[in-house]
Amino acid sequence: MYYYRNKSGKILTKKSRIDYIDLVNAEEKRYNESEEKLARWCRALTSITIDELKKELGDDLMEKDTKEKLEEEMNKYSSDDEVIALYSAYSREELERNTLIDEAKEEATKQGLEQGIKQGIKQGIKQGIKQGIKQAKEEVVRNLLDKNIDITLISDVTGLEVDKIDKMIIN
C-alpha cells in the first residue's frame, strides 16, 4: 500500500492510499473468509471466459443487478470487432514478442544442451582413453614383473616412476 507523501517522504494523509494487489499471487492465497473473497475477486478479474467470471463472482460478491450488467458489458465488448481489434493489435504484438523470446530461450537451451552433450562425450572419451592407457601400462608392468624384469628397466620402458611400480608389487 502506498500513501501520499511529500518530497522528504513524510506521509501527508492516511485518509487516501493506493493499494497494490498482485492478482495472480493473491488469487492463490486464502487463509480466512475475507481473504477467500479477495482471492475470488482476483480470479474473477483475471478470468478469461464469462463462465469463469460467473463461477468466481457467485451470488455473494456482487449484487444481482450489477453482476448482470457486468456480464452484459462483457458479452457486448467481447463481440465488438473494433474493441477486439484494439485489444488484439496490442496482444498480437505482445504475443509475437513473447513467442520470439521463448523460441530464442528454447534454442539457446537446446544449443547449450547439445554443446554440453558433445563436450561430455569428448570428456568421456578422453577419460576412457586415459584409463585404458593406464590399465594397459599396469598390465604390461605386471607381466614384466612376473618375468622378473628389473624395475628400473620397466620404469624406462613404460615411463612409470619406480615408486609406483613398487606399489604395484605390494598390491
N, C-alpha and C. Protein backbone atom coordinates (compact mmCIF):
# COMPACT_ATOMS: atom_id res chain seq x y z
N MET A 1 0.85 -1.17 0.00
CA MET A 1 0.00 0.00 0.00
C MET A 1 0.89 1.23 0.00
N TYR A 2 0.41 2.26 -0.64
CA TYR A 2 1.16 3.50 -0.79
C TYR A 2 0.32 4.66 -0.27
N TYR A 3 0.98 5.58 0.45
CA TYR A 3 0.33 6.80 0.93
C TYR A 3 0.92 8.00 0.19
N TYR A 4 0.16 9.06 0.14
CA TYR A 4 0.68 10.29 -0.44
C TYR A 4 1.72 10.87 0.51
N ARG A 5 2.89 11.21 -0.05
CA ARG A 5 3.99 11.71 0.76
C ARG A 5 4.53 13.01 0.15
N ASN A 6 5.21 13.77 1.00
CA ASN A 6 5.87 14.96 0.47
C ASN A 6 7.26 14.57 -0.04
N LYS A 7 8.04 15.56 -0.48
CA LYS A 7 9.35 15.26 -1.07
C LYS A 7 10.31 14.60 -0.10
N SER A 8 10.15 14.88 1.19
CA SER A 8 11.04 14.27 2.18
C SER A 8 10.57 12.89 2.62
N GLY A 9 9.40 12.46 2.11
CA GLY A 9 8.92 11.12 2.44
C GLY A 9 7.89 11.06 3.54
N LYS A 10 7.58 12.21 4.14
CA LYS A 10 6.60 12.23 5.23
C LYS A 10 5.20 12.01 4.66
N ILE A 11 4.43 11.13 5.32
CA ILE A 11 3.06 10.83 4.88
C ILE A 11 2.20 12.06 5.11
N LEU A 12 1.52 12.50 4.05
CA LEU A 12 0.68 13.69 4.13
C LEU A 12 -0.68 13.36 4.74
N THR A 13 -1.24 12.23 4.37
CA THR A 13 -2.53 11.84 4.92
C THR A 13 -2.69 10.33 4.80
N LYS A 14 -3.34 9.77 5.81
CA LYS A 14 -3.63 8.34 5.76
C LYS A 14 -5.07 8.10 5.31
N LYS A 15 -5.77 9.20 4.98
CA LYS A 15 -7.15 9.08 4.53
C LYS A 15 -7.22 8.57 3.10
N SER A 16 -6.18 8.80 2.36
CA SER A 16 -6.16 8.37 0.96
C SER A 16 -4.92 7.52 0.75
N ARG A 17 -5.10 6.33 0.22
CA ARG A 17 -3.95 5.47 -0.04
C ARG A 17 -4.20 4.66 -1.31
N ILE A 18 -3.14 4.15 -1.85
CA ILE A 18 -3.21 3.30 -3.03
C ILE A 18 -2.81 1.90 -2.59
N ASP A 19 -3.69 0.94 -2.81
CA ASP A 19 -3.38 -0.45 -2.50
C ASP A 19 -2.96 -1.16 -3.78
N TYR A 20 -1.85 -1.85 -3.70
CA TYR A 20 -1.33 -2.61 -4.82
C TYR A 20 -1.60 -4.09 -4.54
N ILE A 21 -2.26 -4.77 -5.48
CA ILE A 21 -2.56 -6.19 -5.30
C ILE A 21 -2.03 -6.95 -6.51
N ASP A 22 -1.20 -7.92 -6.26
CA ASP A 22 -0.72 -8.83 -7.31
C ASP A 22 -1.82 -9.86 -7.53
N LEU A 23 -2.60 -9.69 -8.59
CA LEU A 23 -3.78 -10.53 -8.82
C LEU A 23 -3.43 -12.01 -8.93
N VAL A 24 -2.37 -12.31 -9.67
CA VAL A 24 -2.01 -13.71 -9.86
C VAL A 24 -1.56 -14.34 -8.55
N ASN A 25 -0.78 -13.61 -7.78
CA ASN A 25 -0.31 -14.12 -6.50
C ASN A 25 -1.46 -14.20 -5.48
N ALA A 26 -2.29 -13.18 -5.45
CA ALA A 26 -3.36 -13.13 -4.46
C ALA A 26 -4.46 -14.15 -4.72
N GLU A 27 -4.63 -14.53 -5.98
CA GLU A 27 -5.73 -15.47 -6.28
C GLU A 27 -5.49 -16.85 -5.67
N GLU A 28 -4.26 -17.15 -5.30
CA GLU A 28 -3.96 -18.46 -4.74
C GLU A 28 -3.88 -18.45 -3.21
N LYS A 29 -3.81 -17.29 -2.60
CA LYS A 29 -3.65 -17.21 -1.15
C LYS A 29 -5.01 -17.01 -0.49
N ARG A 30 -5.30 -17.85 0.46
CA ARG A 30 -6.53 -17.68 1.23
C ARG A 30 -6.37 -18.41 2.57
N TYR A 31 -6.50 -17.64 3.60
CA TYR A 31 -6.34 -18.19 4.93
C TYR A 31 -7.62 -18.05 5.76
N ASN A 32 -8.43 -17.08 5.43
CA ASN A 32 -9.69 -16.90 6.14
C ASN A 32 -10.76 -16.48 5.14
N GLU A 33 -11.96 -16.26 5.61
CA GLU A 33 -13.09 -15.98 4.71
C GLU A 33 -12.91 -14.70 3.90
N SER A 34 -12.40 -13.63 4.52
CA SER A 34 -12.24 -12.38 3.77
C SER A 34 -11.14 -12.52 2.71
N GLU A 35 -10.09 -13.26 3.03
CA GLU A 35 -9.03 -13.48 2.04
C GLU A 35 -9.51 -14.39 0.92
N GLU A 36 -10.41 -15.30 1.23
CA GLU A 36 -11.00 -16.14 0.19
C GLU A 36 -11.80 -15.27 -0.78
N LYS A 37 -12.53 -14.29 -0.25
CA LYS A 37 -13.28 -13.37 -1.12
C LYS A 37 -12.31 -12.56 -2.00
N LEU A 38 -11.22 -12.10 -1.41
CA LEU A 38 -10.22 -11.37 -2.20
C LEU A 38 -9.66 -12.27 -3.30
N ALA A 39 -9.37 -13.51 -2.95
CA ALA A 39 -8.85 -14.46 -3.94
C ALA A 39 -9.86 -14.67 -5.06
N ARG A 40 -11.14 -14.76 -4.71
CA ARG A 40 -12.18 -14.93 -5.73
C ARG A 40 -12.26 -13.70 -6.63
N TRP A 41 -12.13 -12.50 -6.04
CA TRP A 41 -12.12 -11.27 -6.84
C TRP A 41 -10.94 -11.29 -7.82
N CYS A 42 -9.80 -11.71 -7.32
CA CYS A 42 -8.61 -11.76 -8.18
C CYS A 42 -8.81 -12.75 -9.32
N ARG A 43 -9.37 -13.92 -9.01
CA ARG A 43 -9.64 -14.90 -10.07
C ARG A 43 -10.68 -14.36 -11.03
N ALA A 44 -11.67 -13.63 -10.52
CA ALA A 44 -12.70 -13.05 -11.39
C ALA A 44 -12.07 -12.01 -12.32
N LEU A 45 -11.20 -11.17 -11.78
CA LEU A 45 -10.58 -10.12 -12.59
C LEU A 45 -9.60 -10.68 -13.63
N THR A 46 -9.08 -11.85 -13.39
CA THR A 46 -8.16 -12.46 -14.34
C THR A 46 -8.82 -13.57 -15.15
N SER A 47 -10.13 -13.73 -15.01
CA SER A 47 -10.82 -14.79 -15.75
C SER A 47 -10.83 -14.48 -17.24
N ILE A 48 -10.86 -15.53 -18.02
CA ILE A 48 -10.81 -15.40 -19.47
C ILE A 48 -12.20 -15.54 -20.09
N THR A 49 -13.01 -16.41 -19.52
CA THR A 49 -14.35 -16.63 -20.07
C THR A 49 -15.40 -16.08 -19.12
N ILE A 50 -16.57 -15.85 -19.67
CA ILE A 50 -17.69 -15.36 -18.86
C ILE A 50 -18.10 -16.42 -17.85
N ASP A 51 -18.02 -17.70 -18.24
CA ASP A 51 -18.35 -18.78 -17.30
C ASP A 51 -17.42 -18.77 -16.09
N GLU A 52 -16.11 -18.54 -16.33
CA GLU A 52 -15.16 -18.45 -15.21
C GLU A 52 -15.52 -17.27 -14.31
N LEU A 53 -15.86 -16.15 -14.95
CA LEU A 53 -16.24 -14.96 -14.18
C LEU A 53 -17.47 -15.23 -13.33
N LYS A 54 -18.50 -15.81 -13.92
CA LYS A 54 -19.73 -16.13 -13.17
C LYS A 54 -19.44 -17.04 -12.00
N LYS A 55 -18.61 -18.04 -12.23
CA LYS A 55 -18.28 -19.00 -11.16
C LYS A 55 -17.61 -18.29 -9.99
N GLU A 56 -16.64 -17.43 -10.28
CA GLU A 56 -15.90 -16.74 -9.21
C GLU A 56 -16.76 -15.70 -8.49
N LEU A 57 -17.59 -15.00 -9.23
CA LEU A 57 -18.45 -14.00 -8.60
C LEU A 57 -19.51 -14.64 -7.72
N GLY A 58 -19.99 -15.81 -8.14
CA GLY A 58 -21.02 -16.49 -7.36
C GLY A 58 -22.21 -15.57 -7.13
N ASP A 59 -22.86 -15.75 -6.01
CA ASP A 59 -24.02 -14.91 -5.69
C ASP A 59 -23.73 -13.91 -4.57
N ASP A 60 -22.50 -13.94 -4.05
CA ASP A 60 -22.23 -13.12 -2.87
C ASP A 60 -21.23 -11.98 -3.07
N LEU A 61 -20.53 -11.92 -4.20
CA LEU A 61 -19.54 -10.85 -4.37
C LEU A 61 -20.13 -9.58 -4.96
N MET A 62 -21.20 -9.71 -5.71
CA MET A 62 -21.83 -8.53 -6.33
C MET A 62 -23.34 -8.67 -6.22
N GLU A 63 -23.99 -7.53 -6.24
CA GLU A 63 -25.45 -7.58 -6.27
C GLU A 63 -25.89 -8.08 -7.64
N LYS A 64 -27.03 -8.70 -7.70
CA LYS A 64 -27.51 -9.36 -8.90
C LYS A 64 -27.58 -8.39 -10.09
N ASP A 65 -28.12 -7.19 -9.89
CA ASP A 65 -28.25 -6.22 -10.98
C ASP A 65 -26.87 -5.82 -11.53
N THR A 66 -25.96 -5.57 -10.65
CA THR A 66 -24.61 -5.16 -11.05
C THR A 66 -23.91 -6.29 -11.79
N LYS A 67 -24.07 -7.50 -11.28
CA LYS A 67 -23.46 -8.68 -11.90
C LYS A 67 -24.02 -8.88 -13.32
N GLU A 68 -25.33 -8.75 -13.46
CA GLU A 68 -25.95 -8.91 -14.78
C GLU A 68 -25.46 -7.84 -15.75
N LYS A 69 -25.31 -6.61 -15.26
CA LYS A 69 -24.80 -5.52 -16.12
C LYS A 69 -23.36 -5.82 -16.54
N LEU A 70 -22.55 -6.31 -15.63
CA LEU A 70 -21.16 -6.66 -15.94
C LEU A 70 -21.12 -7.74 -17.02
N GLU A 71 -21.92 -8.77 -16.85
CA GLU A 71 -21.96 -9.87 -17.84
C GLU A 71 -22.42 -9.35 -19.20
N GLU A 72 -23.41 -8.45 -19.18
CA GLU A 72 -23.92 -7.87 -20.42
C GLU A 72 -22.82 -7.07 -21.13
N GLU A 73 -22.08 -6.25 -20.35
CA GLU A 73 -20.99 -5.46 -20.93
C GLU A 73 -19.88 -6.36 -21.47
N MET A 74 -19.57 -7.41 -20.73
CA MET A 74 -18.53 -8.34 -21.19
C MET A 74 -18.94 -9.00 -22.50
N ASN A 75 -20.18 -9.43 -22.58
CA ASN A 75 -20.67 -10.03 -23.82
C ASN A 75 -20.60 -9.03 -24.97
N LYS A 76 -21.00 -7.80 -24.68
CA LYS A 76 -21.01 -6.76 -25.70
C LYS A 76 -19.60 -6.49 -26.22
N TYR A 77 -18.65 -6.28 -25.29
CA TYR A 77 -17.30 -5.94 -25.71
C TYR A 77 -16.54 -7.13 -26.28
N SER A 78 -16.86 -8.33 -25.84
CA SER A 78 -16.15 -9.48 -26.38
C SER A 78 -16.65 -9.85 -27.77
N SER A 79 -17.76 -9.24 -28.22
CA SER A 79 -18.24 -9.50 -29.58
C SER A 79 -18.12 -8.26 -30.46
N ASP A 80 -17.59 -7.17 -29.92
CA ASP A 80 -17.41 -5.93 -30.68
C ASP A 80 -16.08 -5.99 -31.43
N ASP A 81 -16.15 -6.04 -32.77
CA ASP A 81 -14.95 -6.20 -33.59
C ASP A 81 -13.95 -5.08 -33.39
N GLU A 82 -14.41 -3.85 -33.20
CA GLU A 82 -13.49 -2.73 -33.00
C GLU A 82 -12.72 -2.87 -31.70
N VAL A 83 -13.42 -3.24 -30.65
CA VAL A 83 -12.76 -3.43 -29.35
C VAL A 83 -11.77 -4.59 -29.43
N ILE A 84 -12.20 -5.67 -30.05
CA ILE A 84 -11.32 -6.84 -30.21
C ILE A 84 -10.10 -6.46 -31.03
N ALA A 85 -10.30 -5.68 -32.10
CA ALA A 85 -9.17 -5.27 -32.94
C ALA A 85 -8.18 -4.43 -32.15
N LEU A 86 -8.67 -3.51 -31.32
CA LEU A 86 -7.77 -2.70 -30.49
C LEU A 86 -6.98 -3.56 -29.53
N TYR A 87 -7.66 -4.46 -28.88
CA TYR A 87 -7.00 -5.34 -27.91
C TYR A 87 -6.08 -6.32 -28.63
N SER A 88 -6.57 -6.89 -29.71
CA SER A 88 -5.80 -7.89 -30.44
C SER A 88 -4.53 -7.33 -31.05
N ALA A 89 -4.58 -6.07 -31.52
CA ALA A 89 -3.38 -5.47 -32.10
C ALA A 89 -2.27 -5.43 -31.06
N TYR A 90 -2.62 -4.99 -29.87
CA TYR A 90 -1.61 -4.95 -28.80
C TYR A 90 -1.23 -6.37 -28.40
N SER A 91 -2.21 -7.23 -28.24
CA SER A 91 -1.94 -8.60 -27.81
C SER A 91 -1.11 -9.34 -28.84
N ARG A 92 -1.41 -9.11 -30.11
CA ARG A 92 -0.68 -9.81 -31.17
C ARG A 92 0.80 -9.43 -31.11
N GLU A 93 1.08 -8.13 -30.96
CA GLU A 93 2.47 -7.68 -30.84
C GLU A 93 3.14 -8.31 -29.63
N GLU A 94 2.41 -8.30 -28.52
CA GLU A 94 2.96 -8.87 -27.29
C GLU A 94 3.17 -10.37 -27.45
N LEU A 95 2.21 -11.06 -28.06
CA LEU A 95 2.34 -12.50 -28.29
C LEU A 95 3.52 -12.81 -29.20
N GLU A 96 3.67 -12.01 -30.27
CA GLU A 96 4.79 -12.22 -31.18
C GLU A 96 6.12 -12.02 -30.46
N ARG A 97 6.20 -10.94 -29.67
CA ARG A 97 7.42 -10.66 -28.93
C ARG A 97 7.72 -11.79 -27.94
N ASN A 98 6.70 -12.20 -27.19
CA ASN A 98 6.89 -13.28 -26.22
C ASN A 98 7.24 -14.59 -26.90
N THR A 99 6.62 -14.85 -28.05
CA THR A 99 6.94 -16.07 -28.80
C THR A 99 8.39 -16.05 -29.25
N LEU A 100 8.83 -14.91 -29.79
CA LEU A 100 10.23 -14.80 -30.22
C LEU A 100 11.19 -15.00 -29.05
N ILE A 101 10.85 -14.41 -27.91
CA ILE A 101 11.69 -14.55 -26.72
C ILE A 101 11.74 -16.02 -26.29
N ASP A 102 10.57 -16.67 -26.23
CA ASP A 102 10.52 -18.07 -25.81
C ASP A 102 11.28 -18.97 -26.78
N GLU A 103 11.11 -18.71 -28.09
CA GLU A 103 11.83 -19.51 -29.09
C GLU A 103 13.34 -19.33 -28.94
N ALA A 104 13.76 -18.09 -28.69
CA ALA A 104 15.20 -17.83 -28.51
C ALA A 104 15.73 -18.55 -27.27
N LYS A 105 14.93 -18.53 -26.19
CA LYS A 105 15.35 -19.23 -24.97
C LYS A 105 15.44 -20.73 -25.22
N GLU A 106 14.43 -21.29 -25.91
CA GLU A 106 14.44 -22.72 -26.21
C GLU A 106 15.64 -23.09 -27.07
N GLU A 107 15.92 -22.26 -28.09
CA GLU A 107 17.04 -22.52 -28.98
C GLU A 107 18.36 -22.46 -28.22
N ALA A 108 18.48 -21.45 -27.35
CA ALA A 108 19.70 -21.32 -26.56
C ALA A 108 19.86 -22.52 -25.63
N THR A 109 18.75 -22.94 -25.03
CA THR A 109 18.80 -24.11 -24.15
C THR A 109 19.17 -25.35 -24.94
N LYS A 110 18.54 -25.50 -26.11
CA LYS A 110 18.81 -26.66 -26.96
C LYS A 110 20.27 -26.69 -27.39
N GLN A 111 20.77 -25.51 -27.85
CA GLN A 111 22.16 -25.44 -28.27
C GLN A 111 23.10 -25.71 -27.10
N GLY A 112 22.76 -25.14 -25.95
CA GLY A 112 23.58 -25.37 -24.77
C GLY A 112 23.59 -26.84 -24.38
N LEU A 113 22.41 -27.48 -24.48
CA LEU A 113 22.30 -28.90 -24.16
C LEU A 113 23.11 -29.73 -25.14
N GLU A 114 22.96 -29.42 -26.44
CA GLU A 114 23.70 -30.16 -27.46
C GLU A 114 25.21 -29.97 -27.27
N GLN A 115 25.59 -28.72 -27.00
CA GLN A 115 27.00 -28.43 -26.78
C GLN A 115 27.51 -29.16 -25.53
N GLY A 116 26.67 -29.17 -24.50
CA GLY A 116 27.04 -29.87 -23.26
C GLY A 116 27.20 -31.36 -23.49
N ILE A 117 26.30 -31.94 -24.28
CA ILE A 117 26.38 -33.37 -24.59
C ILE A 117 27.66 -33.67 -25.37
N LYS A 118 27.93 -32.84 -26.39
CA LYS A 118 29.15 -33.04 -27.18
C LYS A 118 30.39 -32.94 -26.31
N GLN A 119 30.40 -31.91 -25.44
CA GLN A 119 31.54 -31.71 -24.55
C GLN A 119 31.66 -32.90 -23.59
N GLY A 120 30.53 -33.37 -23.08
CA GLY A 120 30.54 -34.52 -22.17
C GLY A 120 31.06 -35.77 -22.85
N ILE A 121 30.66 -35.98 -24.10
CA ILE A 121 31.14 -37.15 -24.85
C ILE A 121 32.65 -37.05 -25.06
N LYS A 122 33.13 -35.85 -25.45
CA LYS A 122 34.57 -35.66 -25.64
C LYS A 122 35.34 -35.96 -24.36
N GLN A 123 34.83 -35.39 -23.25
CA GLN A 123 35.50 -35.62 -21.97
C GLN A 123 35.47 -37.10 -21.59
N GLY A 124 34.33 -37.73 -21.83
CA GLY A 124 34.21 -39.16 -21.52
C GLY A 124 35.18 -39.99 -22.34
N ILE A 125 35.30 -39.66 -23.62
CA ILE A 125 36.24 -40.39 -24.49
C ILE A 125 37.67 -40.19 -24.00
N LYS A 126 38.02 -38.91 -23.71
CA LYS A 126 39.38 -38.63 -23.21
C LYS A 126 39.67 -39.40 -21.94
N GLN A 127 38.70 -39.36 -21.01
CA GLN A 127 38.88 -40.04 -19.73
C GLN A 127 38.97 -41.55 -19.94
N GLY A 128 38.16 -42.07 -20.84
CA GLY A 128 38.19 -43.51 -21.14
C GLY A 128 39.51 -43.92 -21.74
N ILE A 129 40.03 -43.10 -22.64
CA ILE A 129 41.33 -43.40 -23.26
C ILE A 129 42.43 -43.38 -22.21
N LYS A 130 42.41 -42.35 -21.33
CA LYS A 130 43.42 -42.26 -20.27
C LYS A 130 43.37 -43.49 -19.37
N GLN A 131 42.15 -43.89 -18.98
CA GLN A 131 42.02 -45.06 -18.11
C GLN A 131 42.49 -46.32 -18.83
N GLY A 132 42.15 -46.42 -20.11
CA GLY A 132 42.57 -47.59 -20.89
C GLY A 132 44.09 -47.68 -20.99
N ILE A 133 44.73 -46.53 -21.25
CA ILE A 133 46.20 -46.49 -21.34
C ILE A 133 46.81 -46.87 -19.99
N LYS A 134 46.23 -46.32 -18.92
CA LYS A 134 46.75 -46.62 -17.57
C LYS A 134 46.62 -48.11 -17.27
N GLN A 135 45.46 -48.68 -17.57
CA GLN A 135 45.24 -50.11 -17.31
C GLN A 135 46.19 -50.97 -18.17
N ALA A 136 46.40 -50.55 -19.42
CA ALA A 136 47.31 -51.30 -20.31
C ALA A 136 48.73 -51.25 -19.77
N LYS A 137 49.16 -50.05 -19.33
CA LYS A 137 50.51 -49.93 -18.76
C LYS A 137 50.66 -50.81 -17.53
N GLU A 138 49.62 -50.78 -16.66
CA GLU A 138 49.68 -51.59 -15.45
C GLU A 138 49.74 -53.08 -15.78
N GLU A 139 49.04 -53.48 -16.81
CA GLU A 139 49.06 -54.89 -17.22
C GLU A 139 50.44 -55.27 -17.76
N VAL A 140 51.03 -54.37 -18.56
CA VAL A 140 52.38 -54.61 -19.09
C VAL A 140 53.37 -54.70 -17.92
N VAL A 141 53.25 -53.77 -16.96
CA VAL A 141 54.15 -53.77 -15.80
C VAL A 141 54.01 -55.09 -15.03
N ARG A 142 52.81 -55.54 -14.79
CA ARG A 142 52.60 -56.80 -14.07
C ARG A 142 53.21 -57.98 -14.84
N ASN A 143 53.00 -57.98 -16.15
CA ASN A 143 53.58 -59.07 -16.96
C ASN A 143 55.10 -59.04 -16.89
N LEU A 144 55.70 -57.85 -16.96
CA LEU A 144 57.16 -57.74 -16.88
C LEU A 144 57.66 -58.13 -15.49
N LEU A 145 56.91 -57.74 -14.45
CA LEU A 145 57.31 -58.12 -13.09
C LEU A 145 57.24 -59.64 -12.93
N ASP A 146 56.20 -60.26 -13.53
CA ASP A 146 56.09 -61.72 -13.48
C ASP A 146 57.28 -62.40 -14.16
N LYS A 147 57.89 -61.72 -15.12
CA LYS A 147 59.04 -62.26 -15.85
C LYS A 147 60.35 -61.87 -15.16
N ASN A 148 60.23 -61.26 -13.95
CA ASN A 148 61.39 -60.84 -13.15
C ASN A 148 62.29 -59.84 -13.87
N ILE A 149 61.69 -58.93 -14.64
CA ILE A 149 62.44 -57.88 -15.32
C ILE A 149 62.75 -56.80 -14.27
N ASP A 150 63.92 -56.20 -14.41
CA ASP A 150 64.39 -55.18 -13.48
C ASP A 150 63.42 -53.98 -13.47
N ILE A 151 63.12 -53.50 -12.25
CA ILE A 151 62.16 -52.40 -12.06
C ILE A 151 62.64 -51.14 -12.78
N THR A 152 63.91 -50.85 -12.78
CA THR A 152 64.45 -49.67 -13.45
C THR A 152 64.20 -49.75 -14.95
N LEU A 153 64.42 -50.94 -15.52
CA LEU A 153 64.17 -51.13 -16.95
C LEU A 153 62.68 -50.96 -17.27
N ILE A 154 61.81 -51.52 -16.40
CA ILE A 154 60.35 -51.37 -16.58
C ILE A 154 59.97 -49.88 -16.54
N SER A 155 60.59 -49.14 -15.61
CA SER A 155 60.31 -47.71 -15.48
C SER A 155 60.72 -46.97 -16.75
N ASP A 156 61.91 -47.32 -17.29
CA ASP A 156 62.39 -46.67 -18.52
C ASP A 156 61.46 -46.97 -19.70
N VAL A 157 61.00 -48.22 -19.81
CA VAL A 157 60.18 -48.62 -20.95
C VAL A 157 58.77 -48.04 -20.85
N THR A 158 58.16 -48.07 -19.67
CA THR A 158 56.76 -47.65 -19.52
C THR A 158 56.61 -46.17 -19.18
N GLY A 159 57.65 -45.55 -18.66
CA GLY A 159 57.54 -44.16 -18.27
C GLY A 159 56.96 -43.98 -16.86
N LEU A 160 56.67 -45.08 -16.18
CA LEU A 160 56.15 -45.01 -14.81
C LEU A 160 57.31 -44.84 -13.84
N GLU A 161 57.06 -44.14 -12.76
CA GLU A 161 58.09 -43.94 -11.75
C GLU A 161 58.29 -45.25 -10.97
N VAL A 162 59.49 -45.44 -10.48
CA VAL A 162 59.86 -46.66 -9.76
C VAL A 162 58.97 -46.87 -8.54
N ASP A 163 58.67 -45.78 -7.80
CA ASP A 163 57.86 -45.94 -6.59
C ASP A 163 56.44 -46.42 -6.93
N LYS A 164 55.90 -46.03 -8.07
CA LYS A 164 54.56 -46.50 -8.48
C LYS A 164 54.62 -47.99 -8.83
N ILE A 165 55.72 -48.37 -9.45
CA ILE A 165 55.88 -49.79 -9.78
C ILE A 165 56.02 -50.61 -8.49
N ASP A 166 56.75 -50.05 -7.50
CA ASP A 166 56.88 -50.71 -6.20
C ASP A 166 55.52 -50.91 -5.55
N LYS A 167 54.67 -49.90 -5.63
CA LYS A 167 53.31 -50.01 -5.06
C LYS A 167 52.52 -51.11 -5.75
N MET A 168 52.74 -51.29 -7.06
CA MET A 168 52.03 -52.34 -7.80
C MET A 168 52.49 -53.72 -7.33
N ILE A 169 53.76 -53.81 -6.94
CA ILE A 169 54.28 -55.09 -6.43
C ILE A 169 53.60 -55.44 -5.12
N ILE A 170 53.39 -54.42 -4.26
CA ILE A 170 52.75 -54.61 -2.96
C ILE A 170 51.30 -55.01 -3.16
N ASN A 171 50.59 -54.38 -4.09
CA ASN A 171 49.17 -54.67 -4.33
C ASN A 171 49.06 -55.92 -5.15
